[in-house]
Amino acid sequence: MGTEYDAHIEAAVLALQIARQQIADEIRSYPTPVAGCDVDYNSLLSKRTQLTRALDVLNREIFVPTPRTLVDGSGVESR
């Protein structure tokens, strides 16, 4: 079951994917040859990396450890 915050996360992921695609299109259409010191081109590469990392973080499964004793005084969970 989705929650309101799940919808916001999905919207953020979609927005980041769209931005990454737009940057990829801009990189693809960038005039050649590209000098290694081309600030605009390097900025696009940097932004693409930032977007990819942000998407990786949002899509990563996070392990959240839970305590063995869920309630104080309830003893140790048996397994």
Protein backbone atom coordinates (compact mmCIF):
# COMPACT_ATOMS: atom_id res chain seq x y z
CA MET A 1 0.00 0.00 0.00
CA GLY A 2 1.44 3.35 -1.00
CA THR A 3 1.55 6.32 1.26
CA GLU A 4 1.73 10.01 0.57
CA TYR A 5 5.48 10.06 1.15
CA ASP A 6 5.89 7.09 -1.22
CA ALA A 7 4.19 9.18 -3.89
CA HIS A 8 6.61 12.04 -3.21
CA ILE A 9 9.60 9.70 -3.45
CA GLU A 10 8.29 8.28 -6.73
CA ALA A 11 7.81 11.82 -8.05
CA ALA A 12 11.37 12.71 -7.03
CA VAL A 13 12.74 9.61 -8.76
CA LEU A 14 10.79 10.44 -11.92
CA ALA A 15 12.01 14.06 -11.88
CA LEU A 16 15.63 12.92 -11.44
CA GLN A 17 15.27 10.40 -14.28
CA ILE A 18 13.89 13.09 -16.57
CA ALA A 19 16.71 15.48 -15.64
CA ARG A 20 19.32 12.76 -16.22
CA GLN A 21 17.83 12.01 -19.66
CA GLN A 22 17.83 15.70 -20.58
CA ILE A 23 21.49 16.00 -19.59
CA ALA A 24 22.33 12.82 -21.53
CA ASP A 25 20.64 14.32 -24.60
CA GLU A 26 22.58 17.56 -24.14
CA ILE A 27 25.87 15.66 -23.78
CA ARG A 28 25.05 13.60 -26.88
CA SER A 29 24.38 16.72 -28.95
CA TYR A 30 27.36 18.68 -27.58
CA PRO A 31 29.52 19.98 -30.45
CA THR A 32 32.77 18.12 -31.00
CA PRO A 33 35.68 18.11 -30.50
CA VAL A 34 35.41 18.57 -26.75
CA ALA A 35 38.51 19.92 -25.06
CA GLY A 36 39.38 18.42 -21.67
CA CYS A 37 39.12 21.88 -20.14
CA ASP A 38 35.63 22.63 -21.50
CA VAL A 39 33.92 23.90 -18.35
CA ASP A 40 30.36 23.57 -19.66
CA TYR A 41 30.88 19.98 -20.82
CA ASN A 42 32.59 19.00 -17.57
CA SER A 43 29.73 20.59 -15.65
CA LEU A 44 27.23 18.44 -17.56
CA LEU A 45 29.25 15.32 -16.74
CA SER A 46 29.33 16.33 -13.08
CA LYS A 47 25.58 16.93 -12.97
CA ARG A 48 24.95 13.58 -14.65
CA THR A 49 27.05 11.87 -11.98
CA GLN A 50 25.19 13.68 -9.20
CA LEU A 51 21.82 12.65 -10.63
CA THR A 52 22.93 9.04 -11.02
CA ARG A 53 24.16 8.91 -7.42
CA ALA A 54 20.93 10.47 -6.14
CA LEU A 55 18.88 7.90 -8.04
CA ASP A 56 21.08 5.10 -6.68
CA VAL A 57 20.45 6.30 -3.13
CA LEU A 58 16.69 6.56 -3.62
CA ASN A 59 16.46 3.12 -5.23
CA ARG A 60 18.74 1.33 -2.76
CA GLU A 61 17.23 -1.05 -0.23
CA ILE A 62 18.10 0.12 3.26
CA PHE A 63 18.59 -2.41 6.05
CA VAL A 64 17.08 -1.18 9.28
CA PRO A 65 18.02 -3.43 12.18
CA THR A 66 15.33 -4.17 14.71
CA PRO A 67 16.06 -4.99 18.32
CA ARG A 68 15.72 -8.57 19.51
CA THR A 69 13.69 -7.35 22.47
CA LEU A 70 10.81 -5.35 21.10
CA VAL A 71 9.43 -4.22 24.46
CA ASP A 72 11.37 -3.60 27.65
CA GLY A 73 10.95 -6.53 30.02
CA SER A 74 9.59 -8.93 27.39
CA GLY A 75 12.68 -11.12 27.37
CA VAL A 76 14.81 -12.27 24.47
CA GLU A 77 13.13 -13.29 21.25
CA SER A 78 13.55 -17.03 20.66
CA ARG A 79 14.55 -18.40 17.30
